[in-house]
Amino acid sequence: MPLPKYHSVYLVLKERLRDGVYDERVPGELELMEEFAVSRATVRKALENLALEGLIERSAGRGTRRLPPAGAASRSVPPATKMTGLLDNLITASLDTTVKVVEHDYVAATEPVADMLQIPPRSQVLRAVRVRSTKAGPVSCITTWVPREFAGNLGRRQLGRKAMLVLIEESGVEIGRARQSISARQADATVAGLLGMPLGSALLSVNRLVYDVNDRPVLWLQGLYCPDRYEYEMELSRVGDIDAKVWVSKDFNAYMR
């Protein structure tokens, strides 16, 4: 299901405002109607949402102007949760965010879950669903599966207070590495309701498998992130022989707004 037209316009304009495309003056309704090939009502709704977020100011006779971000900060250090390094990222993501534990149950591992965690099918795993939010609203919906042997310290109350990896490490498990993939998907009815967005909205999808130092999978995570509140930035280096140089990741930052 496609995004509503007003929401698509809103997302594009919000990104431009964030990136400083508009110095101060924001194009008027007629210009935006022509650019996006949409109606005046669609443009107005997009601008109204931006105004409600304090990103622009609209006034008769003066048009629309960009407002400086609250607690103005440079683009390189946004007013957000900044996390450097993969495992540090996973642990410190909770510093400036809050968590609501939506589901917390021991279930029989399905075949895909068992394959990922390298355990027999139908083994008991802790399945938890959490919504992480900043002051601006929900950022992500995270579903995790943890084998029972590693889940003893992961009570519902504890998961609402601390990052899951912190709790796992506090139980004596030493985290070694993680493998992660990123793609895109649309919000289904459940996720759309949890994140407060329209059905079918575009989401950043993150799959992450975390291992201990003995290379045993201890956590499988599927995260869905609001693209207008989460940014993933990587630094790449060129390595290899002169005839076969390739780009490899050196470091990354993730920002939650």
C-alpha atoms as a PDB file:
ATOM      1  CA  MET A   1       0.000   0.000   0.000  1.00  0.00           C
ATOM      2  CA  PRO A   2       1.586   3.329  -1.066  1.00  0.00           C
ATOM      3  CA  LEU A   3       2.195   6.207   1.305  1.00  0.00           C
ATOM      4  CA  PRO A   4      -0.445   8.961   1.335  1.00  0.00           C
ATOM      5  CA  LYS A   5       0.677  11.766  -0.980  1.00  0.00           C
ATOM      6  CA  TYR A   6       0.787  14.330   1.816  1.00  0.00           C
ATOM      7  CA  HIS A   7       3.058  12.058   3.863  1.00  0.00           C
ATOM      8  CA  SER A   8       5.451  11.573   0.956  1.00  0.00           C
ATOM      9  CA  VAL A   9       5.663  15.353   0.466  1.00  0.00           C
ATOM     10  CA  TYR A  10       6.116  15.805   4.217  1.00  0.00           C
ATOM     11  CA  LEU A  11       9.012  13.312   4.357  1.00  0.00           C
ATOM     12  CA  VAL A  12      10.838  14.916   1.426  1.00  0.00           C
ATOM     13  CA  LEU A  13      10.447  18.430   2.842  1.00  0.00           C
ATOM     14  CA  LYS A  14      11.487  17.315   6.313  1.00  0.00           C
ATOM     15  CA  GLU A  15      14.669  15.776   4.927  1.00  0.00           C
ATOM     16  CA  ARG A  16      15.439  18.969   3.008  1.00  0.00           C
ATOM     17  CA  LEU A  17      14.900  21.077   6.116  1.00  0.00           C
ATOM     18  CA  ARG A  18      17.119  18.786   8.151  1.00  0.00           C
ATOM     19  CA  ASP A  19      19.856  18.860   5.494  1.00  0.00           C
ATOM     20  CA  GLY A  20      19.766  22.644   5.156  1.00  0.00           C
ATOM     21  CA  VAL A  21      18.512  22.676   1.563  1.00  0.00           C
ATOM     22  CA  TYR A  22      16.360  25.685   2.418  1.00  0.00           C
ATOM     23  CA  ASP A  23      18.334  28.565   3.925  1.00  0.00           C
ATOM     24  CA  GLU A  24      15.294  30.279   5.419  1.00  0.00           C
ATOM     25  CA  ARG A  25      12.528  30.651   2.880  1.00  0.00           C
ATOM     26  CA  VAL A  26      10.564  27.501   2.097  1.00  0.00           C
ATOM     27  CA  PRO A  27       8.869  27.311  -1.336  1.00  0.00           C
ATOM     28  CA  GLY A  28       5.248  28.401  -1.362  1.00  0.00           C
ATOM     29  CA  GLU A  29       2.211  26.239  -1.934  1.00  0.00           C
ATOM     30  CA  LEU A  30       2.057  26.872  -5.695  1.00  0.00           C
ATOM     31  CA  GLU A  31       5.722  25.975  -6.174  1.00  0.00           C
ATOM     32  CA  LEU A  32       5.330  22.779  -4.185  1.00  0.00           C
ATOM     33  CA  MET A  33       2.122  21.866  -6.020  1.00  0.00           C
ATOM     34  CA  GLU A  34       3.979  22.146  -9.307  1.00  0.00           C
ATOM     35  CA  GLU A  35       7.071  20.306  -8.098  1.00  0.00           C
ATOM     36  CA  PHE A  36       5.226  17.338  -6.587  1.00  0.00           C
ATOM     37  CA  ALA A  37       2.236  17.376  -8.965  1.00  0.00           C
ATOM     38  CA  VAL A  38      -0.246  17.320  -6.086  1.00  0.00           C
ATOM     39  CA  SER A  39      -3.230  19.381  -4.967  1.00  0.00           C
ATOM     40  CA  ARG A  40      -3.132  22.427  -2.717  1.00  0.00           C
ATOM     41  CA  ALA A  41      -4.854  20.422   0.052  1.00  0.00           C
ATOM     42  CA  THR A  42      -2.062  17.825  -0.071  1.00  0.00           C
ATOM     43  CA  VAL A  43       0.654  20.475   0.181  1.00  0.00           C
ATOM     44  CA  ARG A  44      -1.142  22.243   3.007  1.00  0.00           C
ATOM     45  CA  LYS A  45      -1.442  19.063   5.061  1.00  0.00           C
ATOM     46  CA  ALA A  46       2.269  18.333   4.626  1.00  0.00           C
ATOM     47  CA  LEU A  47       3.162  21.894   5.677  1.00  0.00           C
ATOM     48  CA  GLU A  48       0.788  21.743   8.632  1.00  0.00           C
ATOM     49  CA  ASN A  49       2.556  18.628   9.924  1.00  0.00           C
ATOM     50  CA  LEU A  50       5.939  20.336   9.579  1.00  0.00           C
ATOM     51  CA  ALA A  51       4.615  23.381  11.423  1.00  0.00           C
ATOM     52  CA  LEU A  52       3.239  21.198  14.223  1.00  0.00           C
ATOM     53  CA  GLU A  53       6.724  19.738  14.664  1.00  0.00           C
ATOM     54  CA  GLY A  54       8.220  23.218  14.941  1.00  0.00           C
ATOM     55  CA  LEU A  55      10.234  22.891  11.737  1.00  0.00           C
ATOM     56  CA  ILE A  56       8.599  25.754   9.848  1.00  0.00           C
ATOM     57  CA  GLU A  57       6.556  28.872  10.545  1.00  0.00           C
ATOM     58  CA  ARG A  58       3.679  29.945   8.304  1.00  0.00           C
ATOM     59  CA  SER A  59       2.217  33.440   8.291  1.00  0.00           C
ATOM     60  CA  ALA A  60      -0.013  35.427   5.939  1.00  0.00           C
ATOM     61  CA  GLY A  61       1.974  37.846   3.816  1.00  0.00           C
ATOM     62  CA  ARG A  62       5.349  36.437   4.823  1.00  0.00           C
ATOM     63  CA  GLY A  63       4.967  32.929   3.454  1.00  0.00           C
ATOM     64  CA  THR A  64       6.706  29.926   4.981  1.00  0.00           C
ATOM     65  CA  ARG A  65      10.113  30.039   6.609  1.00  0.00           C
ATOM     66  CA  ARG A  66      12.392  27.460   8.114  1.00  0.00           C
ATOM     67  CA  LEU A  67      12.860  27.526  11.891  1.00  0.00           C
ATOM     68  CA  PRO A  68      16.203  26.662  13.492  1.00  0.00           C
ATOM     69  CA  PRO A  69      16.136  23.289  15.264  1.00  0.00           C
ATOM     70  CA  ALA A  70      15.521  23.355  18.998  1.00  0.00           C
ATOM     71  CA  GLY A  71      18.866  23.402  20.801  1.00  0.00           C
ATOM     72  CA  ALA A  72      20.516  24.085  17.474  1.00  0.00           C
ATOM     73  CA  ALA A  73      23.375  21.717  16.822  1.00  0.00           C
ATOM     74  CA  SER A  74      25.581  21.032  13.840  1.00  0.00           C
ATOM     75  CA  ARG A  75      24.632  18.404  11.271  1.00  0.00           C
ATOM     76  CA  SER A  76      27.535  16.210  12.328  1.00  0.00           C
ATOM     77  CA  VAL A  77      26.364  16.073  15.935  1.00  0.00           C
ATOM     78  CA  PRO A  78      22.557  16.165  15.746  1.00  0.00           C
ATOM     79  CA  PRO A  79      20.291  16.459  18.809  1.00  0.00           C
ATOM     80  CA  ALA A  80      19.964  12.714  18.891  1.00  0.00           C
ATOM     81  CA  THR A  81      21.304   9.512  20.383  1.00  0.00           C
ATOM     82  CA  LYS A  82      24.740   9.112  18.768  1.00  0.00           C
ATOM     83  CA  MET A  83      26.296   5.658  18.906  1.00  0.00           C
ATOM     84  CA  THR A  84      29.717   4.703  17.596  1.00  0.00           C
ATOM     85  CA  GLY A  85      30.831   1.109  17.013  1.00  0.00           C
ATOM     86  CA  LEU A  86      28.461  -1.807  16.481  1.00  0.00           C
ATOM     87  CA  LEU A  87      28.328  -3.375  19.934  1.00  0.00           C
ATOM     88  CA  ASP A  88      28.570   0.013  21.662  1.00  0.00           C
ATOM     89  CA  ASN A  89      25.648   1.053  19.478  1.00  0.00           C
ATOM     90  CA  LEU A  90      23.567  -1.894  20.626  1.00  0.00           C
ATOM     91  CA  ILE A  91      24.223  -1.218  24.294  1.00  0.00           C
ATOM     92  CA  THR A  92      24.036   2.573  24.466  1.00  0.00           C
ATOM     93  CA  ALA A  93      20.944   2.997  22.298  1.00  0.00           C
ATOM     94  CA  SER A  94      18.870   3.127  25.473  1.00  0.00           C
ATOM     95  CA  LEU A  95      20.579   6.186  26.970  1.00  0.00           C
ATOM     96  CA  ASP A  96      18.231   8.866  25.633  1.00  0.00           C
ATOM     97  CA  THR A  97      15.245   6.698  24.768  1.00  0.00           C
ATOM     98  CA  THR A  98      12.396   4.978  26.567  1.00  0.00           C
ATOM     99  CA  VAL A  99      11.104   1.463  26.014  1.00  0.00           C
ATOM    100  CA  LYS A 100       7.645  -0.059  26.177  1.00  0.00           C
ATOM    101  CA  VAL A 101       7.584  -3.863  26.383  1.00  0.00           C
ATOM    102  CA  VAL A 102       4.603  -4.901  24.255  1.00  0.00           C
ATOM    103  CA  GLU A 103       5.068  -8.686  24.366  1.00  0.00           C
ATOM    104  CA  HIS A 104       7.191 -10.946  26.588  1.00  0.00           C
ATOM    105  CA  ASP A 105       6.641 -14.716  26.381  1.00  0.00           C
ATOM    106  CA  TYR A 106       8.473 -18.017  26.156  1.00  0.00           C
ATOM    107  CA  VAL A 107       7.480 -19.732  22.922  1.00  0.00           C
ATOM    108  CA  ALA A 108       8.515 -22.754  20.874  1.00  0.00           C
ATOM    109  CA  ALA A 109      11.102 -21.740  18.295  1.00  0.00           C
ATOM    110  CA  THR A 110       9.809 -21.888  14.746  1.00  0.00           C
ATOM    111  CA  GLU A 111      12.080 -23.445  12.137  1.00  0.00           C
ATOM    112  CA  PRO A 112      13.489 -20.089  10.909  1.00  0.00           C
ATOM    113  CA  VAL A 113      14.180 -18.969  14.489  1.00  0.00           C
ATOM    114  CA  ALA A 114      15.776 -22.308  15.370  1.00  0.00           C
ATOM    115  CA  ASP A 115      17.973 -22.157  12.262  1.00  0.00           C
ATOM    116  CA  MET A 116      19.184 -18.650  13.101  1.00  0.00           C
ATOM    117  CA  LEU A 117      19.917 -19.483  16.746  1.00  0.00           C
ATOM    118  CA  GLN A 118      21.362 -22.927  15.908  1.00  0.00           C
ATOM    119  CA  ILE A 119      19.026 -24.748  18.300  1.00  0.00           C
ATOM    120  CA  PRO A 120      16.604 -27.681  17.781  1.00  0.00           C
ATOM    121  CA  PRO A 121      13.179 -26.729  16.407  1.00  0.00           C
ATOM    122  CA  ARG A 122      10.517 -26.194  19.082  1.00  0.00           C
ATOM    123  CA  SER A 123      13.183 -25.299  21.677  1.00  0.00           C
ATOM    124  CA  GLN A 124      12.017 -22.704  24.178  1.00  0.00           C
ATOM    125  CA  VAL A 125      13.039 -19.133  23.368  1.00  0.00           C
ATOM    126  CA  LEU A 126      12.107 -15.806  24.895  1.00  0.00           C
ATOM    127  CA  ARG A 127      10.269 -13.677  22.338  1.00  0.00           C
ATOM    128  CA  ALA A 128       9.992  -9.997  23.227  1.00  0.00           C
ATOM    129  CA  VAL A 129       8.504  -7.090  21.298  1.00  0.00           C
ATOM    130  CA  ARG A 130       9.524  -3.593  22.370  1.00  0.00           C
ATOM    131  CA  VAL A 131       8.815  -0.101  21.087  1.00  0.00           C
ATOM    132  CA  ARG A 132      11.649   2.384  21.598  1.00  0.00           C
ATOM    133  CA  SER A 133      10.842   6.104  21.617  1.00  0.00           C
ATOM    134  CA  THR A 134      12.550   9.475  21.879  1.00  0.00           C
ATOM    135  CA  LYS A 135      10.860  12.665  23.016  1.00  0.00           C
ATOM    136  CA  ALA A 136       9.666  13.116  19.427  1.00  0.00           C
ATOM    137  CA  GLY A 137       7.776   9.820  19.456  1.00  0.00           C
ATOM    138  CA  PRO A 138       8.243   6.133  18.555  1.00  0.00           C
ATOM    139  CA  VAL A 139      11.437   5.325  16.649  1.00  0.00           C
ATOM    140  CA  SER A 140      11.472   1.550  16.372  1.00  0.00           C
ATOM    141  CA  CYS A 141       9.625  -1.701  16.915  1.00  0.00           C
ATOM    142  CA  ILE A 142      12.076  -4.429  17.924  1.00  0.00           C
ATOM    143  CA  THR A 143      11.311  -8.154  18.018  1.00  0.00           C
ATOM    144  CA  THR A 144      13.930 -10.399  19.639  1.00  0.00           C
ATOM    145  CA  TRP A 145      14.394 -14.119  20.222  1.00  0.00           C
ATOM    146  CA  VAL A 146      16.785 -15.406  22.906  1.00  0.00           C
ATOM    147  CA  PRO A 147      17.434 -19.084  23.777  1.00  0.00           C
ATOM    148  CA  ARG A 148      16.121 -19.917  27.246  1.00  0.00           C
ATOM    149  CA  GLU A 149      19.630 -20.632  28.557  1.00  0.00           C
ATOM    150  CA  PHE A 150      20.596 -16.993  27.947  1.00  0.00           C
ATOM    151  CA  ALA A 151      17.281 -15.408  28.958  1.00  0.00           C
ATOM    152  CA  GLY A 152      17.249 -15.898  32.722  1.00  0.00           C
ATOM    153  CA  ASN A 153      18.001 -12.227  33.383  1.00  0.00           C
ATOM    154  CA  LEU A 154      15.517 -10.853  30.841  1.00  0.00           C
ATOM    155  CA  GLY A 155      12.380 -10.179  32.869  1.00  0.00           C
ATOM    156  CA  ARG A 156       9.672  -7.905  31.495  1.00  0.00           C
ATOM    157  CA  ARG A 157      10.445  -5.178  34.016  1.00  0.00           C
ATOM    158  CA  GLN A 158      14.198  -5.403  33.402  1.00  0.00           C
ATOM    159  CA  LEU A 159      13.730  -5.055  29.636  1.00  0.00           C
ATOM    160  CA  GLY A 160      11.832  -1.831  30.210  1.00  0.00           C
ATOM    161  CA  ARG A 161      14.785  -0.380  32.089  1.00  0.00           C
ATOM    162  CA  LYS A 162      17.966  -1.661  30.449  1.00  0.00           C
ATOM    163  CA  ALA A 163      19.216  -2.633  27.003  1.00  0.00           C
ATOM    164  CA  MET A 164      18.858  -6.356  26.352  1.00  0.00           C
ATOM    165  CA  LEU A 165      22.574  -6.844  25.662  1.00  0.00           C
ATOM    166  CA  VAL A 166      23.476  -5.195  28.952  1.00  0.00           C
ATOM    167  CA  LEU A 167      21.236  -7.655  30.785  1.00  0.00           C
ATOM    168  CA  ILE A 168      22.660 -10.610  28.874  1.00  0.00           C
ATOM    169  CA  GLU A 169      26.211  -9.514  29.700  1.00  0.00           C
ATOM    170  CA  GLU A 170      25.278  -8.984  33.348  1.00  0.00           C
ATOM    171  CA  SER A 171      24.211 -12.641  33.460  1.00  0.00           C
ATOM    172  CA  GLY A 172      27.791 -13.643  32.621  1.00  0.00           C
ATOM    173  CA  VAL A 173      27.622 -13.983  28.838  1.00  0.00           C
ATOM    174  CA  GLU A 174      30.501 -12.273  27.027  1.00  0.00           C
ATOM    175  CA  ILE A 175      29.383 -10.791  23.716  1.00  0.00           C
ATOM    176  CA  GLY A 176      31.784 -11.382  20.839  1.00  0.00           C
ATOM    177  CA  ARG A 177      30.403 -10.177  17.512  1.00  0.00           C
ATOM    178  CA  ALA A 178      27.258  -9.458  15.528  1.00  0.00           C
ATOM    179  CA  ARG A 179      26.142  -9.918  11.929  1.00  0.00           C
ATOM    180  CA  GLN A 180      23.689  -7.400  10.538  1.00  0.00           C
ATOM    181  CA  SER A 181      21.727  -6.782   7.348  1.00  0.00           C
ATOM    182  CA  ILE A 182      19.632  -3.763   6.392  1.00  0.00           C
ATOM    183  CA  SER A 183      16.756  -3.550   3.939  1.00  0.00           C
ATOM    184  CA  ALA A 184      13.376  -1.850   3.590  1.00  0.00           C
ATOM    185  CA  ARG A 185       9.788  -2.945   4.117  1.00  0.00           C
ATOM    186  CA  GLN A 186       6.321  -1.533   4.637  1.00  0.00           C
ATOM    187  CA  ALA A 187       4.520  -1.242   7.955  1.00  0.00           C
ATOM    188  CA  ASP A 188       1.776  -3.804   8.483  1.00  0.00           C
ATOM    189  CA  ALA A 189      -1.293  -3.015  10.577  1.00  0.00           C
ATOM    190  CA  THR A 190       0.320  -4.101  13.863  1.00  0.00           C
ATOM    191  CA  VAL A 191       3.577  -2.193  13.417  1.00  0.00           C
ATOM    192  CA  ALA A 192       1.803   0.859  11.988  1.00  0.00           C
ATOM    193  CA  GLY A 193      -0.330   1.001  15.127  1.00  0.00           C
ATOM    194  CA  LEU A 194       2.657   0.639  17.458  1.00  0.00           C
ATOM    195  CA  LEU A 195       4.690   3.312  15.670  1.00  0.00           C
ATOM    196  CA  GLY A 196       1.782   5.682  15.072  1.00  0.00           C
ATOM    197  CA  MET A 197       2.132   5.821  11.290  1.00  0.00           C
ATOM    198  CA  PRO A 198      -0.076   5.066   8.279  1.00  0.00           C
ATOM    199  CA  LEU A 199      -0.457   1.482   7.114  1.00  0.00           C
ATOM    200  CA  GLY A 200       2.068   0.724   4.373  1.00  0.00           C
ATOM    201  CA  SER A 201       4.574   3.376   5.457  1.00  0.00           C
ATOM    202  CA  ALA A 202       8.174   2.733   4.454  1.00  0.00           C
ATOM    203  CA  LEU A 203      10.400   1.405   7.240  1.00  0.00           C
ATOM    204  CA  LEU A 204      14.093   0.644   7.621  1.00  0.00           C
ATOM    205  CA  SER A 205      14.408  -3.067   8.423  1.00  0.00           C
ATOM    206  CA  VAL A 206      17.406  -4.332  10.424  1.00  0.00           C
ATOM    207  CA  ASN A 207      18.165  -8.004  11.051  1.00  0.00           C
ATOM    208  CA  ARG A 208      20.918  -8.673  13.574  1.00  0.00           C
ATOM    209  CA  LEU A 209      22.358 -11.914  14.939  1.00  0.00           C
ATOM    210  CA  VAL A 210      24.550 -11.552  18.032  1.00  0.00           C
ATOM    211  CA  TYR A 211      27.137 -14.152  19.099  1.00  0.00           C
ATOM    212  CA  ASP A 212      29.080 -14.715  22.311  1.00  0.00           C
ATOM    213  CA  VAL A 213      32.869 -15.094  22.370  1.00  0.00           C
ATOM    214  CA  ASN A 214      32.435 -18.836  21.770  1.00  0.00           C
ATOM    215  CA  ASP A 215      30.539 -18.034  18.564  1.00  0.00           C
ATOM    216  CA  ARG A 216      27.193 -19.246  19.892  1.00  0.00           C
ATOM    217  CA  PRO A 217      24.152 -17.217  18.771  1.00  0.00           C
ATOM    218  CA  VAL A 218      22.612 -15.593  21.840  1.00  0.00           C
ATOM    219  CA  LEU A 219      20.170 -13.130  20.288  1.00  0.00           C
ATOM    220  CA  TRP A 220      18.308 -12.680  17.015  1.00  0.00           C
ATOM    221  CA  LEU A 221      16.803  -9.261  16.448  1.00  0.00           C
ATOM    222  CA  GLN A 222      14.434  -7.913  13.826  1.00  0.00           C
ATOM    223  CA  GLY A 223      14.088  -4.135  14.074  1.00  0.00           C
ATOM    224  CA  LEU A 224      11.784  -1.823  12.148  1.00  0.00           C
ATOM    225  CA  TYR A 225      12.770   1.866  12.250  1.00  0.00           C
ATOM    226  CA  CYS A 226      10.941   5.048  11.269  1.00  0.00           C
ATOM    227  CA  PRO A 227      13.104   6.450   8.433  1.00  0.00           C
ATOM    228  CA  ASP A 228      12.480  10.067   9.424  1.00  0.00           C
ATOM    229  CA  ARG A 229      13.752   9.469  12.978  1.00  0.00           C
ATOM    230  CA  TYR A 230      16.620   7.065  12.449  1.00  0.00           C
ATOM    231  CA  GLU A 231      19.769   7.576  10.404  1.00  0.00           C
ATOM    232  CA  TYR A 232      22.555   5.088   9.720  1.00  0.00           C
ATOM    233  CA  GLU A 233      25.910   6.497   8.633  1.00  0.00           C
ATOM    234  CA  MET A 234      29.006   4.474   7.691  1.00  0.00           C
ATOM    235  CA  GLU A 235      32.645   5.389   7.137  1.00  0.00           C
ATOM    236  CA  LEU A 236      34.349   3.319   4.450  1.00  0.00           C
ATOM    237  CA  SER A 237      38.013   2.653   3.680  1.00  0.00           C
ATOM    238  CA  ARG A 238      39.659   1.406   0.489  1.00  0.00           C
ATOM    239  CA  VAL A 239      41.820  -1.668   1.117  1.00  0.00           C
ATOM    240  CA  GLY A 240      43.556  -4.351  -0.920  1.00  0.00           C
ATOM    241  CA  ASP A 241      46.031  -4.507  -3.790  1.00  0.00           C
ATOM    242  CA  ILE A 242      46.047  -1.701  -6.316  1.00  0.00           C
ATOM    243  CA  ASP A 243      44.362  -3.937  -8.913  1.00  0.00           C
ATOM    244  CA  ALA A 244      41.701  -5.230  -6.532  1.00  0.00           C
ATOM    245  CA  LYS A 245      40.839  -2.531  -4.035  1.00  0.00           C
ATOM    246  CA  VAL A 246      37.469  -2.768  -2.333  1.00  0.00           C
ATOM    247  CA  TRP A 247      35.445  -0.661   0.073  1.00  0.00           C
ATOM    248  CA  VAL A 248      35.155  -2.018   3.627  1.00  0.00           C
ATOM    249  CA  SER A 249      33.338  -0.530   6.586  1.00  0.00           C
ATOM    250  CA  LYS A 250      35.566   1.149   9.135  1.00  0.00           C
ATOM    251  CA  ASP A 251      33.056   2.648  11.538  1.00  0.00           C
ATOM    252  CA  PHE A 252      29.471   3.762  11.676  1.00  0.00           C
ATOM    253  CA  ASN A 253      27.184   6.103  13.543  1.00  0.00           C
ATOM    254  CA  ALA A 254      23.467   5.758  14.138  1.00  0.00           C
ATOM    255  CA  TYR A 255      21.214   8.632  15.111  1.00  0.00           C
ATOM    256  CA  MET A 256      17.784   8.505  16.714  1.00  0.00           C
ATOM    257  CA  ARG A 257      15.628  11.610  16.676  1.00  0.00           C
END
